[in-house]
Amino acid sequence: MRVNPRALAQQLIDSGVLNDLSSDVSVAGPGFINVTLDNDYLSTALASEPLVTPTNAPLRIVVDYSSPNVAKQMHVGHLRSTVIGDSITRMLTLAGHSVVRQNHIGDWGTAFGKIVAYIEELGSDKEVGQSLDDLEQFYVAASKRFDEDKDFASTAREAVLKLQSNDPKTMAVWQKFIDASTRHMQEIYEKLDILLKPADIRGESSFNDDLPSVIDKLEDGGFLVESDGAQCVFVEGFVRKDGSQLPMIVQKSDGGYLYHTTDLATLLYRTNELNADQVLYFTDARQILHFQMLFAVAKKAGFAPPEVELEHHAFGSILNSHGEPLKTRAGENPLLADLIEQAEAHAKQVVREKSSHLEVFQQDEIAHKVAIGAIKYADLSKNRTSDYKFDLETMMSLEGNTSPYLQYAHARINAIFARGGIDSQGIELEEIRVRHPAEHDLSVRLLRFQEVLEQSIEERKAHHMCNFLYDLTVHFTRFYEKCQVLNAEKSERNSRLGLCARTAEALRVGLDCLGISVPTRM
């Protein structure tokens, strides 16, 4: 505007546009405007503004997350996709969007020929059922038979062909394994309080019949190029180190299909059948190139309309306390069931020490919430793209930026209402009168919830919400230390109870965005 910055800043102040919300406005430095929010403005806003105002432009958003390979039990490698994806779906729903959860499980391919052949070899349903109780060992046993017995290997290969041709008997045997795997998955989801249900599963097998039409669509559009007998799609911008074009192979020379083909069929379903405005994928960083090519081919060939947004959100790895990839002593990925069990055992020990006055069943209930909260928060509080160390000792701490610290703050607020014999639901927020500096600081943070929710959604990163909740809890603790609540004068007492109620709501709703439950007492 060709105006001196300080002079322009002063013009803005003189216009009075900030008068209704500020108690002091001043120009600083080369033209910064410092605004001190007015206490009366804060009081009115806390009494009248809801914690969340839903969007007036809701979208239909398909979110692809968790997506384990059902030939093995869920392990630590599935944790981040599951926890991050679930948190983002919760935030999107809270913001007013229509969310469709999709669990694209790996339930198809050559591995399942081994499994089908092994189930048929076991024979009786009882023996099969007992063996399927441990999916990991079942798959290992099937693979061992495949490697050691040529006749079994031949039978397994035949089973793959029968699966691909939808042979009824073979499909029935395959379904036994899928049902057992789904039960195992659901047990983990329920323990972790993940919102995915069996109805959200749409695995690779769901799109088996659609793969020929994917090839036809690509061929009709003139996008297929034969290379060494395989059918490929080339997209500008994807090259090898030697400068030659990098193809996306969609059909092998023997006529078999690849996961690129399945993912194109899946994308077509999500845009055409589910009517997605956005499709979000949460997977580890190793798949970045795959999704870049997938999205480029999908847009080029019309599998996704130009207006549909396709997003891949990668994440870092989980490390041990030494900064190495988290493994068992045998060098395997730790099973999620084992990690949950370890966390619950650790939490029970902490709760027994801190809450010995409670009944054992109450301690166990609290320990479960604390353990699951600690596992999730340790993941979600880190920038999604970063690696992080899995350290139960740190995760379970009642101090610092941890889930137990936030859960304890919520329990402390509940205790305030319980000691006063007050129903927190009946608090009159209109009585909030912000006066003390600690009340002011707490109020400013309470009014940031909407902003932080929108930032977390926009960046698809839950650590913004975690940082907000931690900052809120720190300032609530300072407020509680400096301002009497139950022993204050009536008007101050009612006002501060209102601040406590708003803080409890923000903690409860914010932690729910992360999939973390809040114990009523700890």
Protein backbone atom coordinates (compact mmCIF):
# COMPACT_ATOMS: atom_id res chain seq x y z
CA MET A 1 0.00 0.00 0.00
CA ARG A 2 3.11 2.20 -0.06
CA VAL A 3 2.49 3.31 3.51
CA ASN A 4 4.90 3.29 6.44
CA PRO A 5 4.12 0.05 8.35
CA ARG A 6 3.88 1.74 11.76
CA ALA A 7 1.61 4.44 10.35
CA LEU A 8 -0.60 1.82 8.71
CA ALA A 9 -0.76 -0.14 11.97
CA GLN A 10 -1.82 3.00 13.82
CA GLN A 11 -4.52 3.70 11.19
CA LEU A 12 -5.95 0.26 11.80
CA ILE A 13 -5.97 0.80 15.57
CA ASP A 14 -7.57 4.25 15.18
CA SER A 15 -10.35 2.74 13.04
CA GLY A 16 -11.67 1.03 16.17
CA VAL A 17 -12.05 -2.36 14.46
CA LEU A 18 -10.37 -4.06 17.45
CA ASN A 19 -12.18 -2.16 20.19
CA ASP A 20 -14.83 -4.79 20.95
CA LEU A 21 -12.36 -7.55 21.78
CA SER A 22 -9.29 -5.77 23.15
CA SER A 23 -8.40 -3.98 26.36
CA ASP A 24 -5.12 -2.69 24.99
CA VAL A 25 -3.74 -2.34 21.47
CA SER A 26 -0.30 -0.97 20.65
CA VAL A 27 2.16 -0.72 17.79
CA ALA A 28 5.49 -2.45 18.35
CA GLY A 29 8.74 -2.69 16.39
CA PRO A 30 8.56 -2.11 12.64
CA GLY A 31 4.76 -2.37 12.54
CA PHE A 32 3.50 -5.27 14.65
CA ILE A 33 0.18 -4.82 16.42
CA ASN A 34 0.02 -6.22 19.96
CA VAL A 35 -3.51 -7.02 21.11
CA THR A 36 -4.46 -7.78 24.72
CA LEU A 37 -7.84 -9.53 24.68
CA ASP A 38 -10.41 -7.89 26.91
CA ASN A 39 -11.56 -9.91 29.94
CA ASP A 40 -15.23 -9.05 29.31
CA TYR A 41 -14.86 -10.25 25.72
CA LEU A 42 -13.34 -13.53 26.97
CA SER A 43 -16.14 -13.96 29.52
CA THR A 44 -18.85 -13.46 26.90
CA ALA A 45 -17.16 -15.74 24.39
CA LEU A 46 -16.76 -18.56 26.91
CA ALA A 47 -20.40 -18.27 27.91
CA SER A 48 -21.83 -18.09 24.40
CA GLU A 49 -19.52 -19.78 21.91
CA PRO A 50 -19.71 -23.58 21.57
CA LEU A 51 -16.49 -25.56 21.77
CA VAL A 52 -16.90 -26.59 18.11
CA THR A 53 -18.83 -24.97 15.28
CA PRO A 54 -19.36 -27.53 12.47
CA THR A 55 -18.30 -26.58 8.97
CA ASN A 56 -20.88 -25.00 6.65
CA ALA A 57 -19.27 -26.83 3.70
CA PRO A 58 -19.27 -30.52 4.68
CA LEU A 59 -17.42 -32.97 2.45
CA ARG A 60 -17.77 -36.71 1.91
CA ILE A 61 -14.35 -38.07 2.86
CA VAL A 62 -13.18 -41.67 2.45
CA VAL A 63 -10.34 -42.57 4.82
CA ASP A 64 -8.21 -45.66 4.17
CA TYR A 65 -6.37 -46.75 7.30
CA SER A 66 -5.09 -49.72 9.32
CA SER A 67 -5.27 -52.15 6.34
CA PRO A 68 -3.37 -55.11 7.82
CA ASN A 69 -2.38 -58.23 5.93
CA VAL A 70 -4.64 -60.89 7.43
CA ALA A 71 -2.13 -63.69 6.84
CA LYS A 72 -0.42 -62.50 10.02
CA GLN A 73 -1.48 -61.13 13.38
CA MET A 74 -1.48 -57.36 13.75
CA HIS A 75 1.93 -56.12 14.86
CA VAL A 76 3.59 -52.83 15.75
CA GLY A 77 3.88 -51.95 12.05
CA HIS A 78 0.09 -51.55 11.92
CA LEU A 79 -0.14 -49.28 14.97
CA ARG A 80 0.56 -45.90 13.40
CA SER A 81 -1.78 -46.30 10.41
CA THR A 82 -4.54 -47.51 12.74
CA VAL A 83 -4.16 -44.87 15.44
CA ILE A 84 -3.45 -41.87 13.18
CA GLY A 85 -6.19 -42.74 10.69
CA ASP A 86 -8.73 -43.26 13.46
CA SER A 87 -7.89 -39.93 15.09
CA ILE A 88 -8.27 -37.99 11.84
CA THR A 89 -11.65 -39.64 11.14
CA ARG A 90 -12.84 -38.60 14.60
CA MET A 91 -11.78 -34.99 14.02
CA LEU A 92 -13.37 -34.86 10.58
CA THR A 93 -16.64 -36.17 12.02
CA LEU A 94 -16.54 -33.67 14.88
CA ALA A 95 -16.02 -30.87 12.34
CA GLY A 96 -19.20 -31.91 10.51
CA HIS A 97 -17.86 -33.88 7.55
CA SER A 98 -19.35 -37.16 6.34
CA VAL A 99 -16.66 -39.80 6.86
CA VAL A 100 -16.51 -43.27 5.29
CA ARG A 101 -13.97 -45.54 7.00
CA GLN A 102 -12.34 -48.16 4.78
CA ASN A 103 -10.15 -51.03 5.95
CA HIS A 104 -8.46 -52.30 2.78
CA ILE A 105 -7.11 -55.55 4.22
CA GLY A 106 -4.66 -57.79 2.38
CA ASP A 107 -6.79 -60.91 1.94
CA TRP A 108 -5.86 -62.06 -1.57
CA GLY A 109 -2.89 -63.32 -3.54
CA THR A 110 -0.49 -66.26 -3.66
CA ALA A 111 -0.08 -66.49 0.14
CA PHE A 112 -3.69 -67.57 0.44
CA GLY A 113 -3.14 -70.58 -1.79
CA LYS A 114 -0.82 -71.96 0.91
CA ILE A 115 -3.39 -71.20 3.60
CA VAL A 116 -6.30 -72.82 1.73
CA ALA A 117 -4.24 -75.94 1.00
CA TYR A 118 -3.17 -76.18 4.64
CA ILE A 119 -6.75 -75.82 5.93
CA GLU A 120 -7.87 -78.59 3.57
CA GLU A 121 -4.98 -80.77 4.75
CA LEU A 122 -5.96 -80.34 8.41
CA GLY A 123 -9.41 -81.68 7.59
CA SER A 124 -11.72 -81.44 10.60
CA ASP A 125 -13.33 -78.14 11.54
CA LYS A 126 -12.23 -78.65 15.15
CA GLU A 127 -8.58 -79.03 14.18
CA VAL A 128 -8.79 -76.04 11.85
CA GLY A 129 -10.44 -73.94 14.55
CA GLN A 130 -7.76 -74.76 17.11
CA SER A 131 -4.97 -74.00 14.63
CA LEU A 132 -6.52 -70.67 13.62
CA ASP A 133 -6.41 -69.49 17.23
CA ASP A 134 -2.82 -68.47 16.47
CA LEU A 135 -2.84 -66.95 13.00
CA GLU A 136 0.88 -66.26 13.06
CA GLN A 137 1.83 -69.88 13.71
CA PHE A 138 -0.80 -71.06 11.24
CA TYR A 139 0.75 -69.06 8.40
CA VAL A 140 4.28 -70.12 9.41
CA ALA A 141 3.19 -73.79 9.37
CA ALA A 142 1.55 -73.40 5.96
CA SER A 143 4.66 -71.70 4.55
CA LYS A 144 6.91 -74.42 5.97
CA ARG A 145 4.81 -77.12 4.29
CA PHE A 146 5.01 -75.15 1.03
CA ASP A 147 8.82 -74.95 1.20
CA GLU A 148 9.41 -78.57 2.24
CA ASP A 149 6.79 -80.58 0.30
CA LYS A 150 6.64 -80.35 -3.51
CA ASP A 151 3.21 -82.03 -3.66
CA PHE A 152 1.82 -79.55 -1.12
CA ALA A 153 3.37 -76.65 -3.06
CA SER A 154 1.68 -77.89 -6.22
CA THR A 155 -1.66 -78.15 -4.39
CA ALA A 156 -1.20 -74.61 -3.06
CA ARG A 157 -0.58 -73.23 -6.55
CA GLU A 158 -3.71 -74.98 -7.79
CA ALA A 159 -5.61 -73.41 -4.91
CA VAL A 160 -4.51 -69.96 -6.07
CA LEU A 161 -5.96 -70.61 -9.51
CA LYS A 162 -9.19 -71.92 -7.95
CA LEU A 163 -9.42 -68.81 -5.81
CA GLN A 164 -8.95 -66.57 -8.82
CA SER A 165 -11.73 -68.44 -10.63
CA ASN A 166 -14.06 -68.22 -7.59
CA ASP A 167 -14.32 -71.99 -7.13
CA PRO A 168 -17.13 -72.34 -4.48
CA LYS A 169 -15.44 -75.04 -2.38
CA THR A 170 -12.09 -73.24 -2.34
CA MET A 171 -13.77 -69.91 -1.52
CA ALA A 172 -15.56 -71.55 1.42
CA VAL A 173 -12.24 -72.78 2.84
CA TRP A 174 -10.66 -69.35 2.27
CA GLN A 175 -13.60 -67.71 4.08
CA LYS A 176 -12.84 -69.73 7.25
CA PHE A 177 -9.44 -68.09 7.48
CA ILE A 178 -10.80 -64.63 6.70
CA ASP A 179 -13.47 -64.98 9.40
CA ALA A 180 -10.87 -66.03 11.98
CA SER A 181 -8.58 -63.16 10.94
CA THR A 182 -11.40 -60.64 11.16
CA ARG A 183 -12.20 -61.79 14.70
CA HIS A 184 -8.55 -61.31 15.71
CA MET A 185 -8.48 -57.85 14.13
CA GLN A 186 -11.69 -56.80 15.82
CA GLU A 187 -10.36 -57.88 19.22
CA ILE A 188 -7.37 -55.56 18.75
CA TYR A 189 -9.56 -52.70 17.50
CA GLU A 190 -11.86 -53.02 20.51
CA LYS A 191 -8.95 -53.07 22.95
CA LEU A 192 -7.50 -49.95 21.29
CA ASP A 193 -10.96 -48.32 21.03
CA ILE A 194 -10.64 -48.00 17.26
CA LEU A 195 -13.87 -47.17 15.40
CA LEU A 196 -13.29 -49.64 12.53
CA LYS A 197 -15.97 -52.34 12.32
CA PRO A 198 -16.25 -55.51 10.17
CA ALA A 199 -18.64 -53.58 7.90
CA ASP A 200 -15.78 -51.16 7.08
CA ILE A 201 -13.66 -53.97 5.64
CA ARG A 202 -13.34 -53.95 1.89
CA GLY A 203 -10.25 -55.98 1.18
CA GLU A 204 -8.31 -56.75 -1.96
CA SER A 205 -10.56 -59.75 -2.65
CA SER A 206 -13.57 -57.42 -2.99
CA PHE A 207 -12.14 -56.05 -6.22
CA ASN A 208 -10.97 -59.29 -7.81
CA ASP A 209 -13.88 -59.37 -10.29
CA ASP A 210 -13.27 -55.73 -11.25
CA LEU A 211 -9.67 -56.14 -12.40
CA PRO A 212 -10.39 -57.13 -16.04
CA SER A 213 -12.56 -54.02 -16.44
CA VAL A 214 -9.70 -51.87 -15.10
CA ILE A 215 -7.49 -53.20 -17.91
CA ASP A 216 -10.29 -52.67 -20.44
CA LYS A 217 -10.80 -49.08 -19.30
CA LEU A 218 -7.09 -48.35 -19.59
CA GLU A 219 -6.95 -49.98 -23.02
CA ASP A 220 -10.03 -48.13 -24.28
CA GLY A 221 -8.44 -44.85 -23.20
CA GLY A 222 -5.26 -45.66 -25.08
CA PHE A 223 -3.12 -45.70 -21.92
CA LEU A 224 -1.75 -49.26 -22.06
CA VAL A 225 1.74 -49.90 -23.40
CA GLU A 226 3.21 -53.39 -23.68
CA SER A 227 6.68 -53.73 -22.18
CA ASP A 228 8.44 -57.14 -22.03
CA GLY A 229 5.06 -58.81 -22.36
CA ALA A 230 3.53 -56.88 -19.44
CA GLN A 231 0.82 -54.22 -19.72
CA CYS A 232 2.00 -50.87 -18.36
CA VAL A 233 0.95 -47.25 -18.00
CA PHE A 234 3.59 -44.55 -18.34
CA VAL A 235 3.09 -41.16 -16.73
CA GLU A 236 5.26 -38.15 -17.35
CA GLY A 237 7.58 -37.27 -14.49
CA PHE A 238 8.33 -40.78 -13.24
CA VAL A 239 11.80 -41.90 -14.29
CA ARG A 240 14.47 -44.36 -13.21
CA LYS A 241 17.98 -43.34 -12.16
CA ASP A 242 19.18 -43.86 -15.72
CA GLY A 243 16.58 -41.40 -17.01
CA SER A 244 14.31 -43.99 -18.63
CA GLN A 245 10.58 -43.83 -17.94
CA LEU A 246 9.28 -45.76 -14.94
CA PRO A 247 6.15 -47.80 -15.74
CA MET A 248 3.22 -48.71 -13.55
CA ILE A 249 2.71 -52.41 -14.36
CA VAL A 250 -0.99 -53.32 -14.22
CA GLN A 251 -0.90 -56.81 -15.76
CA LYS A 252 1.97 -59.30 -15.82
CA SER A 253 3.02 -61.20 -18.92
CA ASP A 254 1.23 -64.32 -17.59
CA GLY A 255 -2.03 -62.38 -17.29
CA GLY A 256 -1.83 -61.92 -13.51
CA TYR A 257 -2.70 -58.63 -11.84
CA LEU A 258 -0.74 -56.53 -9.34
CA TYR A 259 -1.66 -54.39 -6.35
CA HIS A 260 -1.49 -51.33 -8.65
CA THR A 261 -4.45 -52.81 -10.53
CA THR A 262 -6.35 -53.51 -7.32
CA ASP A 263 -5.71 -50.00 -6.04
CA LEU A 264 -7.06 -48.51 -9.28
CA ALA A 265 -10.22 -50.63 -8.95
CA THR A 266 -10.50 -49.55 -5.31
CA LEU A 267 -10.16 -45.90 -6.23
CA LEU A 268 -12.80 -46.21 -8.93
CA TYR A 269 -15.18 -47.71 -6.34
CA ARG A 270 -14.49 -44.92 -3.86
CA THR A 271 -15.10 -42.14 -6.34
CA ASN A 272 -18.03 -43.71 -8.23
CA GLU A 273 -19.85 -45.77 -5.58
CA LEU A 274 -18.92 -43.98 -2.36
CA ASN A 275 -19.08 -40.54 -4.03
CA ALA A 276 -15.96 -39.26 -2.30
CA ASP A 277 -14.97 -35.60 -2.42
CA GLN A 278 -11.64 -36.56 -0.85
CA VAL A 279 -9.85 -39.89 -0.46
CA LEU A 280 -7.18 -40.06 2.26
CA TYR A 281 -4.64 -42.86 2.67
CA PHE A 282 -2.55 -43.35 5.81
CA THR A 283 0.41 -45.68 5.23
CA ASP A 284 4.13 -45.75 6.00
CA ALA A 285 6.60 -43.71 3.99
CA ARG A 286 7.79 -46.68 1.92
CA GLN A 287 4.67 -46.37 -0.24
CA ILE A 288 5.10 -42.72 -1.23
CA LEU A 289 6.17 -43.48 -4.81
CA HIS A 290 3.36 -46.03 -5.26
CA PHE A 291 0.70 -43.50 -4.33
CA GLN A 292 2.25 -40.74 -6.40
CA MET A 293 2.04 -42.98 -9.46
CA LEU A 294 -1.40 -44.29 -8.51
CA PHE A 295 -2.86 -40.79 -8.23
CA ALA A 296 -1.18 -39.66 -11.47
CA VAL A 297 -2.55 -42.65 -13.41
CA ALA A 298 -5.99 -42.32 -11.79
CA LYS A 299 -6.27 -38.67 -12.82
CA LYS A 300 -4.86 -39.28 -16.29
CA ALA A 301 -7.17 -42.23 -17.03
CA GLY A 302 -10.29 -40.79 -15.40
CA PHE A 303 -10.51 -43.20 -12.46
CA ALA A 304 -10.85 -40.13 -10.25
CA PRO A 305 -12.55 -36.92 -11.47
CA PRO A 306 -10.42 -33.75 -11.46
CA GLU A 307 -12.36 -32.26 -8.53
CA VAL A 308 -11.78 -35.26 -6.21
CA GLU A 309 -8.79 -34.72 -3.93
CA LEU A 310 -6.48 -37.74 -3.51
CA GLU A 311 -4.08 -37.56 -0.57
CA HIS A 312 -1.44 -39.93 0.76
CA HIS A 313 -0.23 -39.17 4.28
CA ALA A 314 2.91 -41.02 5.23
CA PHE A 315 4.32 -41.46 8.72
CA GLY A 316 7.62 -42.32 10.36
CA SER A 317 8.72 -45.47 12.17
CA ILE A 318 8.42 -46.69 15.76
CA LEU A 319 11.83 -47.13 17.40
CA ASN A 320 13.07 -48.75 20.59
CA SER A 321 14.79 -46.83 23.40
CA HIS A 322 18.10 -47.04 21.49
CA GLY A 323 16.63 -45.44 18.38
CA GLU A 324 16.51 -48.70 16.41
CA PRO A 325 13.43 -50.22 14.70
CA LEU A 326 11.24 -51.81 17.38
CA LYS A 327 11.72 -55.60 17.24
CA THR A 328 11.36 -58.60 19.55
CA ARG A 329 14.47 -60.50 20.69
CA ALA A 330 13.84 -62.91 17.86
CA GLY A 331 14.00 -60.01 15.42
CA GLU A 332 10.27 -59.98 14.68
CA ASN A 333 7.84 -57.08 14.79
CA PRO A 334 6.20 -57.12 18.27
CA LEU A 335 2.54 -58.14 18.16
CA LEU A 336 0.05 -55.42 19.05
CA ALA A 337 -1.67 -57.77 21.49
CA ASP A 338 1.63 -58.16 23.36
CA LEU A 339 2.30 -54.40 23.44
CA ILE A 340 -1.18 -53.77 24.83
CA GLU A 341 -0.67 -56.46 27.47
CA GLN A 342 2.69 -54.94 28.51
CA ALA A 343 1.18 -51.45 28.70
CA GLU A 344 -1.77 -52.65 30.81
CA ALA A 345 0.53 -54.52 33.21
CA HIS A 346 2.64 -51.35 33.62
CA ALA A 347 -0.46 -49.18 34.09
CA LYS A 348 -1.91 -51.54 36.71
CA GLN A 349 1.27 -51.22 38.72
CA VAL A 350 1.08 -47.41 38.59
CA VAL A 351 -2.64 -47.32 39.42
CA ARG A 352 -2.24 -49.77 42.34
CA GLU A 353 0.33 -47.39 43.86
CA LYS A 354 -1.63 -44.17 43.22
CA SER A 355 -5.20 -45.39 43.81
CA SER A 356 -4.99 -48.13 46.43
CA HIS A 357 -8.27 -46.87 47.96
CA LEU A 358 -10.25 -48.01 44.91
CA GLU A 359 -11.72 -51.48 44.32
CA VAL A 360 -9.59 -53.80 42.18
CA PHE A 361 -12.11 -53.77 39.31
CA GLN A 362 -12.04 -49.96 39.35
CA GLN A 363 -8.25 -49.97 39.28
CA ASP A 364 -8.29 -52.37 36.32
CA GLU A 365 -10.75 -50.16 34.41
CA ILE A 366 -8.59 -47.09 35.00
CA ALA A 367 -5.42 -49.01 34.09
CA HIS A 368 -6.93 -50.06 30.76
CA LYS A 369 -7.86 -46.48 29.85
CA VAL A 370 -4.47 -45.19 30.97
CA ALA A 371 -2.57 -47.89 29.04
CA ILE A 372 -4.47 -47.42 25.77
CA GLY A 373 -4.32 -43.65 26.14
CA ALA A 374 -0.56 -43.80 26.72
CA ILE A 375 0.07 -45.94 23.62
CA LYS A 376 -2.04 -43.71 21.39
CA TYR A 377 -0.86 -40.38 22.76
CA ALA A 378 2.83 -41.32 22.50
CA ASP A 379 2.22 -41.83 18.78
CA LEU A 380 -0.16 -38.96 18.08
CA SER A 381 1.77 -36.32 20.06
CA LYS A 382 4.70 -36.63 17.64
CA ASN A 383 4.67 -35.02 14.22
CA ARG A 384 3.21 -37.69 11.93
CA THR A 385 6.20 -37.63 9.59
CA SER A 386 8.74 -38.19 12.39
CA ASP A 387 10.01 -41.40 13.97
CA TYR A 388 9.44 -41.84 17.70
CA LYS A 389 10.69 -44.05 20.53
CA PHE A 390 8.34 -46.53 22.17
CA ASP A 391 9.16 -46.17 25.88
CA LEU A 392 6.49 -47.35 28.35
CA GLU A 393 8.17 -45.63 31.30
CA THR A 394 7.96 -42.22 29.63
CA MET A 395 4.51 -42.85 28.13
CA MET A 396 3.00 -43.70 31.53
CA SER A 397 4.40 -40.69 33.37
CA LEU A 398 1.95 -38.49 35.26
CA GLU A 399 4.16 -35.52 34.44
CA GLY A 400 4.97 -33.89 31.11
CA ASN A 401 3.27 -34.16 27.75
CA THR A 402 1.64 -37.58 28.25
CA SER A 403 -1.88 -38.97 28.16
CA PRO A 404 -1.91 -39.89 31.90
CA TYR A 405 -1.07 -36.26 32.75
CA LEU A 406 -4.07 -35.03 30.73
CA GLN A 407 -6.35 -37.79 32.04
CA TYR A 408 -5.32 -36.93 35.59
CA ALA A 409 -6.17 -33.26 35.01
CA HIS A 410 -9.68 -34.25 33.89
CA ALA A 411 -10.07 -36.50 36.95
CA ARG A 412 -8.92 -33.62 39.18
CA ILE A 413 -11.64 -31.36 37.76
CA ASN A 414 -14.21 -34.10 38.39
CA ALA A 415 -12.93 -34.29 41.98
CA ILE A 416 -13.53 -30.55 42.43
CA PHE A 417 -17.20 -30.96 41.50
CA ALA A 418 -17.50 -34.12 43.60
CA ARG A 419 -16.07 -32.41 46.72
CA GLY A 420 -18.48 -29.53 46.29
CA GLY A 421 -21.43 -31.84 45.64
CA ILE A 422 -21.97 -30.02 42.33
CA ASP A 423 -23.39 -31.36 39.07
CA SER A 424 -20.97 -30.13 36.41
CA GLN A 425 -23.75 -30.37 33.79
CA GLY A 426 -25.74 -27.74 35.65
CA ILE A 427 -23.02 -25.07 35.68
CA GLU A 428 -24.20 -21.67 34.40
CA LEU A 429 -21.50 -20.51 32.00
CA GLU A 430 -23.11 -17.06 31.90
CA GLU A 431 -21.63 -16.50 35.35
CA ILE A 432 -18.06 -16.65 34.07
CA ARG A 433 -16.25 -13.40 34.83
CA VAL A 434 -12.60 -13.42 33.83
CA ARG A 435 -10.54 -11.22 36.18
CA HIS A 436 -7.38 -12.89 37.48
CA PRO A 437 -4.35 -13.14 35.11
CA ALA A 438 -4.39 -16.95 35.47
CA GLU A 439 -8.08 -16.96 34.48
CA HIS A 440 -7.23 -14.77 31.49
CA ASP A 441 -4.45 -17.11 30.31
CA LEU A 442 -6.67 -20.19 30.69
CA SER A 443 -9.56 -18.51 28.86
CA VAL A 444 -7.43 -17.52 25.88
CA ARG A 445 -6.43 -21.16 25.45
CA LEU A 446 -9.95 -22.50 25.84
CA LEU A 447 -11.08 -20.33 22.94
CA ARG A 448 -8.42 -21.82 20.62
CA PHE A 449 -10.08 -25.26 20.37
CA GLN A 450 -11.81 -24.60 17.04
CA GLU A 451 -8.64 -23.15 15.50
CA VAL A 452 -6.56 -26.17 16.60
CA LEU A 453 -9.18 -28.65 15.38
CA GLU A 454 -9.19 -27.00 11.95
CA GLN A 455 -5.37 -26.93 11.81
CA SER A 456 -5.16 -30.63 12.77
CA ILE A 457 -7.65 -31.51 10.03
CA GLU A 458 -6.05 -29.30 7.38
CA GLU A 459 -2.57 -30.74 7.96
CA ARG A 460 -3.87 -34.25 8.82
CA LYS A 461 -1.67 -34.10 11.93
CA ALA A 462 -2.99 -34.90 15.40
CA HIS A 463 0.04 -33.55 17.27
CA HIS A 464 -1.42 -30.04 17.05
CA MET A 465 -4.38 -31.19 19.17
CA CYS A 466 -2.01 -32.96 21.59
CA ASN A 467 0.11 -29.85 22.04
CA PHE A 468 -3.01 -27.76 22.59
CA LEU A 469 -4.37 -30.13 25.26
CA TYR A 470 -1.02 -30.19 27.05
CA ASP A 471 -0.76 -26.39 26.99
CA LEU A 472 -4.35 -26.14 28.23
CA THR A 473 -3.63 -28.54 31.08
CA VAL A 474 -0.50 -26.64 32.11
CA HIS A 475 -2.49 -23.40 32.29
CA PHE A 476 -5.37 -25.05 34.12
CA THR A 477 -2.87 -26.30 36.72
CA ARG A 478 -1.50 -22.76 37.14
CA PHE A 479 -5.05 -21.39 37.43
CA TYR A 480 -5.94 -24.01 40.06
CA GLU A 481 -2.78 -23.21 42.06
CA LYS A 482 -3.40 -19.44 42.04
CA CYS A 483 -7.19 -19.20 42.19
CA GLN A 484 -9.35 -20.76 44.88
CA VAL A 485 -12.45 -22.43 43.48
CA LEU A 486 -14.69 -24.06 46.11
CA ASN A 487 -13.54 -21.69 48.89
CA ALA A 488 -13.88 -18.51 46.82
CA GLU A 489 -16.63 -15.91 47.23
CA LYS A 490 -19.92 -16.98 45.60
CA SER A 491 -19.59 -14.93 42.40
CA GLU A 492 -15.93 -15.92 41.93
CA ARG A 493 -16.75 -19.52 42.87
CA ASN A 494 -19.46 -19.82 40.20
CA SER A 495 -17.25 -18.14 37.61
CA ARG A 496 -14.31 -20.44 38.32
CA LEU A 497 -16.53 -23.51 38.33
CA GLY A 498 -17.58 -22.40 34.84
CA LEU A 499 -13.93 -22.26 33.77
CA CYS A 500 -13.40 -25.73 35.25
CA ALA A 501 -16.43 -27.05 33.34
CA ARG A 502 -15.21 -25.57 30.05
CA THR A 503 -11.73 -27.01 30.64
CA ALA A 504 -13.14 -30.47 31.40
CA GLU A 505 -15.21 -30.31 28.21
CA ALA A 506 -12.19 -29.31 26.10
CA LEU A 507 -10.09 -32.11 27.59
CA ARG A 508 -12.83 -34.70 27.16
CA VAL A 509 -13.67 -33.75 23.57
CA GLY A 510 -10.02 -33.20 22.62
CA LEU A 511 -8.93 -36.56 23.98
CA ASP A 512 -11.89 -38.21 22.27
CA CYS A 513 -10.53 -36.76 19.01
CA LEU A 514 -7.46 -38.87 19.73
CA GLY A 515 -9.52 -41.94 20.63
CA ILE A 516 -8.57 -41.64 24.32
CA SER A 517 -11.08 -42.18 27.13
CA VAL A 518 -11.03 -40.10 30.32
CA PRO A 519 -11.43 -41.88 33.68
CA THR A 520 -13.75 -40.02 36.04
CA ARG A 521 -11.18 -40.52 38.78
CA MET A 522 -7.55 -41.57 39.08
